[in-house]
């Protein structure tokens, strides 16, 4: 939600998503697809903050469940993303 990410952030995100496909269980991959479908630029006009947060929470719960550290009841679990506050959310290049 917000401004379009810089190209290098998009590349890092795509790499992380693709890597997760290599190690995630089927339930993680289903949650990942639901989340990435919601945040896709092609869905920008329909994106909803509550749906984003719901899908992000589900993805985090599924990943932690895969790691043997499910954070309690999935229906009541909530995770939130934090922005860096710098306005870009991109690490400076060395």
PDB file of N, CA and C in Angstrom:
ATOM      1  N   UNK A   1       0.856  -1.141   0.000  1.00  0.00           N
ATOM      2  CA  UNK A   1       0.000   0.000   0.000  1.00  0.00           C
ATOM      3  C   UNK A   1       0.917   1.222   0.000  1.00  0.00           C
ATOM      4  N   UNK A   2       0.726   2.067  -0.903  1.00  0.00           N
ATOM      5  CA  UNK A   2       1.576   3.234  -0.971  1.00  0.00           C
ATOM      6  C   UNK A   2       2.186   3.371  -2.343  1.00  0.00           C
ATOM      7  N   UNK A   3       3.277   4.124  -2.402  1.00  0.00           N
ATOM      8  CA  UNK A   3       3.933   4.371  -3.680  1.00  0.00           C
ATOM      9  C   UNK A   3       4.543   3.092  -4.235  1.00  0.00           C
ATOM     10  N   UNK A   4       4.745   3.110  -5.539  1.00  0.00           N
ATOM     11  CA  UNK A   4       5.366   1.979  -6.211  1.00  0.00           C
ATOM     12  C   UNK A   4       6.803   1.807  -5.719  1.00  0.00           C
ATOM     13  N   UNK A   5       7.174   0.570  -5.464  1.00  0.00           N
ATOM     14  CA  UNK A   5       8.517   0.274  -4.968  1.00  0.00           C
ATOM     15  C   UNK A   5       9.559   0.499  -6.065  1.00  0.00           C
ATOM     16  N   UNK A   6      10.767   0.895  -5.661  1.00  0.00           N
ATOM     17  CA  UNK A   6      11.857   1.039  -6.630  1.00  0.00           C
ATOM     18  C   UNK A   6      12.203  -0.320  -7.256  1.00  0.00           C
ATOM     19  N   UNK A   7      12.764  -0.315  -8.460  1.00  0.00           N
ATOM     20  CA  UNK A   7      13.077  -1.567  -9.147  1.00  0.00           C
ATOM     21  C   UNK A   7      13.929  -2.539  -8.334  1.00  0.00           C
ATOM     22  N   UNK A   8      14.946  -2.048  -7.604  1.00  0.00           N
ATOM     23  CA  UNK A   8      15.795  -2.980  -6.860  1.00  0.00           C
ATOM     24  C   UNK A   8      15.025  -3.639  -5.712  1.00  0.00           C
ATOM     25  N   UNK A   9      14.053  -2.948  -5.151  1.00  0.00           N
ATOM     26  CA  UNK A   9      13.218  -3.552  -4.109  1.00  0.00           C
ATOM     27  C   UNK A   9      12.331  -4.630  -4.715  1.00  0.00           C
ATOM     28  N   UNK A  10      11.833  -4.388  -5.913  1.00  0.00           N
ATOM     29  CA  UNK A  10      11.001  -5.386  -6.590  1.00  0.00           C
ATOM     30  C   UNK A  10      11.794  -6.643  -6.908  1.00  0.00           C
ATOM     31  N   UNK A  11      13.044  -6.477  -7.317  1.00  0.00           N
ATOM     32  CA  UNK A  11      13.902  -7.627  -7.619  1.00  0.00           C
ATOM     33  C   UNK A  11      14.153  -8.440  -6.347  1.00  0.00           C
ATOM     34  N   UNK A  12      14.454  -7.755  -5.237  1.00  0.00           N
ATOM     35  CA  UNK A  12      14.690  -8.470  -3.973  1.00  0.00           C
ATOM     36  C   UNK A  12      13.430  -9.197  -3.510  1.00  0.00           C
ATOM     37  N   UNK A  13      12.277  -8.558  -3.668  1.00  0.00           N
ATOM     38  CA  UNK A  13      11.024  -9.190  -3.273  1.00  0.00           C
ATOM     39  C   UNK A  13      10.755 -10.427  -4.132  1.00  0.00           C
ATOM     40  N   UNK A  14      10.927 -10.314  -5.440  1.00  0.00           N
ATOM     41  CA  UNK A  14      10.703 -11.447  -6.339  1.00  0.00           C
ATOM     42  C   UNK A  14      11.645 -12.597  -6.002  1.00  0.00           C
ATOM     43  N   UNK A  15      12.876 -12.287  -5.669  1.00  0.00           N
ATOM     44  CA  UNK A  15      13.840 -13.324  -5.280  1.00  0.00           C
ATOM     45  C   UNK A  15      13.385 -14.028  -4.011  1.00  0.00           C
ATOM     46  N   UNK A  16      12.918 -13.261  -3.032  1.00  0.00           N
ATOM     47  CA  UNK A  16      12.440 -13.857  -1.780  1.00  0.00           C
ATOM     48  C   UNK A  16      11.223 -14.751  -2.032  1.00  0.00           C
ATOM     49  N   UNK A  17      10.285 -14.282  -2.854  1.00  0.00           N
ATOM     50  CA  UNK A  17       9.101 -15.083  -3.182  1.00  0.00           C
ATOM     51  C   UNK A  17       9.513 -16.370  -3.881  1.00  0.00           C
ATOM     52  N   UNK A  18      10.386 -16.264  -4.859  1.00  0.00           N
ATOM     53  CA  UNK A  18      10.830 -17.452  -5.589  1.00  0.00           C
ATOM     54  C   UNK A  18      11.580 -18.421  -4.687  1.00  0.00           C
ATOM     55  N   UNK A  19      12.404 -17.909  -3.782  1.00  0.00           N
ATOM     56  CA  UNK A  19      13.110 -18.783  -2.844  1.00  0.00           C
ATOM     57  C   UNK A  19      12.144 -19.491  -1.909  1.00  0.00           C
ATOM     58  N   UNK A  20      11.096 -18.812  -1.500  1.00  0.00           N
ATOM     59  CA  UNK A  20      10.116 -19.429  -0.610  1.00  0.00           C
ATOM     60  C   UNK A  20       9.425 -20.615  -1.283  1.00  0.00           C
ATOM     61  N   UNK A  21       9.271 -20.556  -2.594  1.00  0.00           N
ATOM     62  CA  UNK A  21       8.703 -21.696  -3.323  1.00  0.00           C
ATOM     63  C   UNK A  21       9.581 -22.943  -3.198  1.00  0.00           C
ATOM     64  N   UNK A  22      10.862 -22.753  -2.997  1.00  0.00           N
ATOM     65  CA  UNK A  22      11.774 -23.893  -2.900  1.00  0.00           C
ATOM     66  C   UNK A  22      11.675 -24.632  -1.575  1.00  0.00           C
ATOM     67  N   UNK A  23      11.285 -23.929  -0.528  1.00  0.00           N
ATOM     68  CA  UNK A  23      11.320 -24.540   0.809  1.00  0.00           C
ATOM     69  C   UNK A  23       9.969 -24.581   1.507  1.00  0.00           C
ATOM     70  N   UNK A  24       8.984 -23.858   1.023  1.00  0.00           N
ATOM     71  CA  UNK A  24       7.697 -23.787   1.701  1.00  0.00           C
ATOM     72  C   UNK A  24       6.838 -25.011   1.468  1.00  0.00           C
ATOM     73  N   UNK A  25       6.051 -25.347   2.471  1.00  0.00           N
ATOM     74  CA  UNK A  25       5.083 -26.435   2.340  1.00  0.00           C
ATOM     75  C   UNK A  25       3.960 -25.976   1.412  1.00  0.00           C
ATOM     76  N   UNK A  26       3.108 -26.901   0.984  1.00  0.00           N
ATOM     77  CA  UNK A  26       1.972 -26.493   0.156  1.00  0.00           C
ATOM     78  C   UNK A  26       1.108 -25.405   0.807  1.00  0.00           C
ATOM     79  N   UNK A  27       0.920 -25.457   2.120  1.00  0.00           N
ATOM     80  CA  UNK A  27       0.092 -24.441   2.777  1.00  0.00           C
ATOM     81  C   UNK A  27       0.775 -23.075   2.763  1.00  0.00           C
ATOM     82  N   UNK A  28       2.095 -23.049   2.840  1.00  0.00           N
ATOM     83  CA  UNK A  28       2.826 -21.785   2.730  1.00  0.00           C
ATOM     84  C   UNK A  28       2.684 -21.233   1.311  1.00  0.00           C
ATOM     85  N   UNK A  29       2.809 -22.076   0.334  1.00  0.00           N
ATOM     86  CA  UNK A  29       2.731 -21.616  -1.060  1.00  0.00           C
ATOM     87  C   UNK A  29       1.333 -21.092  -1.386  1.00  0.00           C
ATOM     88  N   UNK A  30       0.292 -21.749  -0.891  1.00  0.00           N
ATOM     89  CA  UNK A  30      -1.071 -21.253  -1.103  1.00  0.00           C
ATOM     90  C   UNK A  30      -1.234 -19.868  -0.459  1.00  0.00           C
ATOM     91  N   UNK A  31      -0.741 -19.720   0.766  1.00  0.00           N
ATOM     92  CA  UNK A  31      -0.823 -18.428   1.464  1.00  0.00           C
ATOM     93  C   UNK A  31       0.012 -17.375   0.738  1.00  0.00           C
ATOM     94  N   UNK A  32       1.174 -17.769   0.243  1.00  0.00           N
ATOM     95  CA  UNK A  32       2.040 -16.851  -0.501  1.00  0.00           C
ATOM     96  C   UNK A  32       1.343 -16.356  -1.766  1.00  0.00           C
ATOM     97  N   UNK A  33       0.721 -17.266  -2.504  1.00  0.00           N
ATOM     98  CA  UNK A  33       0.029 -16.875  -3.735  1.00  0.00           C
ATOM     99  C   UNK A  33      -1.133 -15.931  -3.444  1.00  0.00           C
ATOM    100  N   UNK A  34      -1.880 -16.207  -2.390  1.00  0.00           N
ATOM    101  CA  UNK A  34      -2.995 -15.322  -2.036  1.00  0.00           C
ATOM    102  C   UNK A  34      -2.472 -13.918  -1.709  1.00  0.00           C
ATOM    103  N   UNK A  35      -1.367 -13.852  -0.955  1.00  0.00           N
ATOM    104  CA  UNK A  35      -0.798 -12.557  -0.590  1.00  0.00           C
ATOM    105  C   UNK A  35      -0.250 -11.822  -1.808  1.00  0.00           C
ATOM    106  N   UNK A  36       0.521 -12.510  -2.641  1.00  0.00           N
ATOM    107  CA  UNK A  36       1.107 -11.832  -3.802  1.00  0.00           C
ATOM    108  C   UNK A  36       0.036 -11.432  -4.815  1.00  0.00           C
ATOM    109  N   UNK A  37      -1.046 -12.206  -4.925  1.00  0.00           N
ATOM    110  CA  UNK A  37      -2.153 -11.797  -5.798  1.00  0.00           C
ATOM    111  C   UNK A  37      -2.773 -10.497  -5.296  1.00  0.00           C
ATOM    112  N   UNK A  38      -2.913 -10.369  -3.979  1.00  0.00           N
ATOM    113  CA  UNK A  38      -3.507  -9.164  -3.402  1.00  0.00           C
ATOM    114  C   UNK A  38      -2.633  -7.934  -3.627  1.00  0.00           C
ATOM    115  N   UNK A  39      -1.318  -8.084  -3.498  1.00  0.00           N
ATOM    116  CA  UNK A  39      -0.430  -6.920  -3.592  1.00  0.00           C
ATOM    117  C   UNK A  39       0.098  -6.662  -4.999  1.00  0.00           C
ATOM    118  N   UNK A  40      -0.316  -7.484  -5.955  1.00  0.00           N
ATOM    119  CA  UNK A  40       0.157  -7.318  -7.328  1.00  0.00           C
ATOM    120  C   UNK A  40      -0.238  -5.946  -7.873  1.00  0.00           C
ATOM    121  N   UNK A  41       0.649  -5.356  -8.654  1.00  0.00           N
ATOM    122  CA  UNK A  41       0.345  -4.062  -9.266  1.00  0.00           C
ATOM    123  C   UNK A  41      -0.927  -4.128 -10.101  1.00  0.00           C
ATOM    124  N   UNK A  42      -1.197  -5.280 -10.700  1.00  0.00           N
ATOM    125  CA  UNK A  42      -2.411  -5.438 -11.504  1.00  0.00           C
ATOM    126  C   UNK A  42      -3.676  -5.413 -10.647  1.00  0.00           C
ATOM    127  N   UNK A  43      -3.530  -5.570  -9.336  1.00  0.00           N
ATOM    128  CA  UNK A  43      -4.669  -5.530  -8.410  1.00  0.00           C
ATOM    129  C   UNK A  43      -4.713  -4.226  -7.619  1.00  0.00           C
ATOM    130  N   UNK A  44      -3.867  -3.298  -7.966  1.00  0.00           N
ATOM    131  CA  UNK A  44      -3.720  -2.055  -7.186  1.00  0.00           C
ATOM    132  C   UNK A  44      -5.049  -1.344  -6.935  1.00  0.00           C
ATOM    133  N   UNK A  45      -5.927  -1.291  -7.923  1.00  0.00           N
ATOM    134  CA  UNK A  45      -7.201  -0.582  -7.774  1.00  0.00           C
ATOM    135  C   UNK A  45      -8.143  -1.289  -6.789  1.00  0.00           C
ATOM    136  N   UNK A  46      -7.957  -2.588  -6.605  1.00  0.00           N
ATOM    137  CA  UNK A  46      -8.838  -3.370  -5.731  1.00  0.00           C
ATOM    138  C   UNK A  46      -8.213  -3.702  -4.381  1.00  0.00           C
ATOM    139  N   UNK A  47      -6.972  -3.318  -4.176  1.00  0.00           N
ATOM    140  CA  UNK A  47      -6.259  -3.676  -2.953  1.00  0.00           C
ATOM    141  C   UNK A  47      -6.921  -3.037  -1.738  1.00  0.00           C
ATOM    142  N   UNK A  48      -7.046  -3.834  -0.681  1.00  0.00           N
ATOM    143  CA  UNK A  48      -7.636  -3.353   0.562  1.00  0.00           C
ATOM    144  C   UNK A  48      -6.674  -3.618   1.714  1.00  0.00           C
ATOM    145  N   UNK A  49      -6.494  -2.629   2.569  1.00  0.00           N
ATOM    146  CA  UNK A  49      -5.563  -2.757   3.692  1.00  0.00           C
ATOM    147  C   UNK A  49      -5.933  -3.937   4.604  1.00  0.00           C
ATOM    148  N   UNK A  50      -7.211  -4.074   4.915  1.00  0.00           N
ATOM    149  CA  UNK A  50      -7.616  -5.169   5.804  1.00  0.00           C
ATOM    150  C   UNK A  50      -7.334  -6.533   5.182  1.00  0.00           C
ATOM    151  N   UNK A  51      -7.611  -6.665   3.890  1.00  0.00           N
ATOM    152  CA  UNK A  51      -7.339  -7.934   3.190  1.00  0.00           C
ATOM    153  C   UNK A  51      -5.832  -8.181   3.145  1.00  0.00           C
ATOM    154  N   UNK A  52      -5.057  -7.148   2.863  1.00  0.00           N
ATOM    155  CA  UNK A  52      -3.594  -7.254   2.869  1.00  0.00           C
ATOM    156  C   UNK A  52      -3.111  -7.781   4.212  1.00  0.00           C
ATOM    157  N   UNK A  53      -3.585  -7.163   5.292  1.00  0.00           N
ATOM    158  CA  UNK A  53      -3.141  -7.560   6.631  1.00  0.00           C
ATOM    159  C   UNK A  53      -3.583  -8.984   6.972  1.00  0.00           C
ATOM    160  N   UNK A  54      -4.794  -9.344   6.561  1.00  0.00           N
ATOM    161  CA  UNK A  54      -5.292 -10.702   6.799  1.00  0.00           C
ATOM    162  C   UNK A  54      -4.423 -11.735   6.074  1.00  0.00           C
ATOM    163  N   UNK A  55      -4.121 -11.473   4.812  1.00  0.00           N
ATOM    164  CA  UNK A  55      -3.316 -12.416   4.024  1.00  0.00           C
ATOM    165  C   UNK A  55      -1.865 -12.463   4.500  1.00  0.00           C
ATOM    166  N   UNK A  56      -1.318 -11.312   4.897  1.00  0.00           N
ATOM    167  CA  UNK A  56       0.040 -11.287   5.446  1.00  0.00           C
ATOM    168  C   UNK A  56       0.099 -12.106   6.735  1.00  0.00           C
ATOM    169  N   UNK A  57      -0.884 -11.933   7.595  1.00  0.00           N
ATOM    170  CA  UNK A  57      -0.934 -12.683   8.854  1.00  0.00           C
ATOM    171  C   UNK A  57      -1.008 -14.182   8.587  1.00  0.00           C
ATOM    172  N   UNK A  58      -1.817 -14.563   7.604  1.00  0.00           N
ATOM    173  CA  UNK A  58      -1.928 -15.984   7.262  1.00  0.00           C
ATOM    174  C   UNK A  58      -0.592 -16.534   6.768  1.00  0.00           C
ATOM    175  N   UNK A  59       0.096 -15.770   5.911  1.00  0.00           N
ATOM    176  CA  UNK A  59       1.387 -16.212   5.394  1.00  0.00           C
ATOM    177  C   UNK A  59       2.408 -16.357   6.519  1.00  0.00           C
ATOM    178  N   UNK A  60       2.485 -15.377   7.394  1.00  0.00           N
ATOM    179  CA  UNK A  60       3.429 -15.454   8.513  1.00  0.00           C
ATOM    180  C   UNK A  60       3.095 -16.652   9.396  1.00  0.00           C
ATOM    181  N   UNK A  61       1.810 -16.867   9.681  1.00  0.00           N
ATOM    182  CA  UNK A  61       1.411 -18.003  10.516  1.00  0.00           C
ATOM    183  C   UNK A  61       1.834 -19.315   9.857  1.00  0.00           C
ATOM    184  N   UNK A  62       1.585 -19.460   8.560  1.00  0.00           N
ATOM    185  CA  UNK A  62       1.925 -20.706   7.853  1.00  0.00           C
ATOM    186  C   UNK A  62       3.439 -20.940   7.846  1.00  0.00           C
ATOM    187  N   UNK A  63       4.228 -19.893   7.649  1.00  0.00           N
ATOM    188  CA  UNK A  63       5.685 -20.051   7.668  1.00  0.00           C
ATOM    189  C   UNK A  63       6.137 -20.494   9.057  1.00  0.00           C
ATOM    190  N   UNK A  64       5.632 -19.831  10.081  1.00  0.00           N
ATOM    191  CA  UNK A  64       6.021 -20.200  11.451  1.00  0.00           C
ATOM    192  C   UNK A  64       5.540 -21.608  11.791  1.00  0.00           C
ATOM    193  N   UNK A  65       4.375 -21.991  11.293  1.00  0.00           N
ATOM    194  CA  UNK A  65       3.899 -23.357  11.508  1.00  0.00           C
ATOM    195  C   UNK A  65       4.852 -24.357  10.866  1.00  0.00           C
ATOM    196  N   UNK A  66       5.332 -24.048   9.655  1.00  0.00           N
ATOM    197  CA  UNK A  66       6.321 -24.905   8.985  1.00  0.00           C
ATOM    198  C   UNK A  66       7.587 -25.064   9.820  1.00  0.00           C
ATOM    199  N   UNK A  67       7.946 -24.014  10.532  1.00  0.00           N
ATOM    200  CA  UNK A  67       9.160 -24.032  11.350  1.00  0.00           C
ATOM    201  C   UNK A  67       8.928 -24.666  12.719  1.00  0.00           C
ATOM    202  N   UNK A  68       7.702 -25.145  12.967  1.00  0.00           N
ATOM    203  CA  UNK A  68       7.394 -25.778  14.242  1.00  0.00           C
ATOM    204  C   UNK A  68       7.133 -24.778  15.356  1.00  0.00           C
ATOM    205  N   UNK A  69       6.778 -23.547  14.991  1.00  0.00           N
ATOM    206  CA  UNK A  69       6.560 -22.492  15.983  1.00  0.00           C
ATOM    207  C   UNK A  69       5.268 -21.736  15.666  1.00  0.00           C
ATOM    208  N   UNK A  70       4.181 -22.504  15.483  1.00  0.00           N
ATOM    209  CA  UNK A  70       2.901 -21.858  15.184  1.00  0.00           C
ATOM    210  C   UNK A  70       2.512 -20.954  16.342  1.00  0.00           C
ATOM    211  N   UNK A  71       2.183 -19.706  16.048  1.00  0.00           N
ATOM    212  CA  UNK A  71       1.880 -18.741  17.111  1.00  0.00           C
ATOM    213  C   UNK A  71       0.426 -18.808  17.582  1.00  0.00           C
ATOM    214  N   UNK A  72       0.026 -19.939  18.090  1.00  0.00           N
ATOM    215  CA  UNK A  72      -1.328 -20.079  18.612  1.00  0.00           C
ATOM    216  C   UNK A  72      -2.353 -20.300  17.517  1.00  0.00           C
ATOM    217  N   UNK A  73      -3.579 -19.936  17.812  1.00  0.00           N
ATOM    218  CA  UNK A  73      -4.710 -20.120  16.923  1.00  0.00           C
ATOM    219  C   UNK A  73      -4.576 -19.219  15.694  1.00  0.00           C
ATOM    220  N   UNK A  74      -4.605 -19.813  14.511  1.00  0.00           N
ATOM    221  CA  UNK A  74      -4.424 -19.045  13.276  1.00  0.00           C
ATOM    222  C   UNK A  74      -5.497 -17.975  13.105  1.00  0.00           C
ATOM    223  N   UNK A  75      -6.725 -18.287  13.504  1.00  0.00           N
ATOM    224  CA  UNK A  75      -7.828 -17.337  13.322  1.00  0.00           C
ATOM    225  C   UNK A  75      -7.638 -16.058  14.143  1.00  0.00           C
ATOM    226  N   UNK A  76      -6.884 -16.154  15.234  1.00  0.00           N
ATOM    227  CA  UNK A  76      -6.695 -14.992  16.108  1.00  0.00           C
ATOM    228  C   UNK A  76      -5.309 -14.361  15.992  1.00  0.00           C
ATOM    229  N   UNK A  77      -4.474 -14.896  15.105  1.00  0.00           N
ATOM    230  CA  UNK A  77      -3.114 -14.378  14.946  1.00  0.00           C
ATOM    231  C   UNK A  77      -3.118 -13.168  14.012  1.00  0.00           C
ATOM    232  N   UNK A  78      -2.345 -12.163  14.366  1.00  0.00           N
ATOM    233  CA  UNK A  78      -2.238 -10.962  13.536  1.00  0.00           C
ATOM    234  C   UNK A  78      -0.782 -10.533  13.450  1.00  0.00           C
ATOM    235  N   UNK A  79      -0.323 -10.317  12.225  1.00  0.00           N
ATOM    236  CA  UNK A  79       1.040  -9.830  11.990  1.00  0.00           C
ATOM    237  C   UNK A  79       0.942  -8.533  11.203  1.00  0.00           C
ATOM    238  N   UNK A  80       1.889  -7.646  11.439  1.00  0.00           N
ATOM    239  CA  UNK A  80       1.893  -6.369  10.722  1.00  0.00           C
ATOM    240  C   UNK A  80       3.275  -6.088  10.159  1.00  0.00           C
ATOM    241  N   UNK A  81       3.302  -5.443   9.011  1.00  0.00           N
ATOM    242  CA  UNK A  81       4.556  -4.994   8.406  1.00  0.00           C
ATOM    243  C   UNK A  81       4.839  -3.576   8.871  1.00  0.00           C
ATOM    244  N   UNK A  82       6.111  -3.259   9.000  1.00  0.00           N
ATOM    245  CA  UNK A  82       6.527  -1.905   9.382  1.00  0.00           C
ATOM    246  C   UNK A  82       7.393  -1.332   8.284  1.00  0.00           C
ATOM    247  N   UNK A  83       7.144  -0.093   7.952  1.00  0.00           N
ATOM    248  CA  UNK A  83       7.965   0.619   6.977  1.00  0.00           C
ATOM    249  C   UNK A  83       9.176   1.208   7.694  1.00  0.00           C
ATOM    250  N   UNK A  84      10.204   1.481   6.941  1.00  0.00           N
ATOM    251  CA  UNK A  84      11.442   2.005   7.522  1.00  0.00           C
ATOM    252  C   UNK A  84      11.302   3.436   8.003  1.00  0.00           C
ATOM    253  N   UNK A  85      10.345   4.171   7.461  1.00  0.00           N
ATOM    254  CA  UNK A  85      10.184   5.575   7.819  1.00  0.00           C
ATOM    255  C   UNK A  85      11.079   6.506   7.013  1.00  0.00           C
ATOM    256  N   UNK A  86      11.894   5.948   6.109  1.00  0.00           N
ATOM    257  CA  UNK A  86      12.783   6.788   5.311  1.00  0.00           C
ATOM    258  C   UNK A  86      12.113   7.282   4.043  1.00  0.00           C
ATOM    259  N   UNK A  87      10.963   6.722   3.748  1.00  0.00           N
ATOM    260  CA  UNK A  87      10.252   7.118   2.536  1.00  0.00           C
ATOM    261  C   UNK A  87      10.570   6.253   1.341  1.00  0.00           C
ATOM    262  N   UNK A  88      11.581   5.377   1.440  1.00  0.00           N
ATOM    263  CA  UNK A  88      11.926   4.551   0.304  1.00  0.00           C
ATOM    264  C   UNK A  88      11.888   3.057   0.613  1.00  0.00           C
ATOM    265  N   UNK A  89      12.128   2.669   1.858  1.00  0.00           N
ATOM    266  CA  UNK A  89      12.196   1.260   2.256  1.00  0.00           C
ATOM    267  C   UNK A  89      13.198   0.474   1.419  1.00  0.00           C
ATOM    268  N   UNK A  90      14.246   1.147   1.019  1.00  0.00           N
ATOM    269  CA  UNK A  90      15.329   0.529   0.255  1.00  0.00           C
ATOM    270  C   UNK A  90      16.644   0.858   0.957  1.00  0.00           C
ATOM    271  N   UNK A  91      17.463  -0.158   1.136  1.00  0.00           N
ATOM    272  CA  UNK A  91      18.761   0.072   1.759  1.00  0.00           C
ATOM    273  C   UNK A  91      19.655   0.870   0.816  1.00  0.00           C
ATOM    274  N   UNK A  92      20.431   1.798   1.355  1.00  0.00           N
ATOM    275  CA  UNK A  92      21.352   2.546   0.484  1.00  0.00           C
ATOM    276  C   UNK A  92      22.403   1.623  -0.101  1.00  0.00           C
ATOM    277  N   UNK A  93      22.813   1.933  -1.279  1.00  0.00           N
ATOM    278  CA  UNK A  93      23.871   1.130  -1.931  1.00  0.00           C
ATOM    279  C   UNK A  93      25.228   1.518  -1.351  1.00  0.00           C
ATOM    280  N   UNK A  94      26.081   0.517  -1.168  1.00  0.00           N
ATOM    281  CA  UNK A  94      27.417   0.824  -0.607  1.00  0.00           C
ATOM    282  C   UNK A  94      28.265   1.637  -1.555  1.00  0.00           C
TER     283      UNK A  94
END
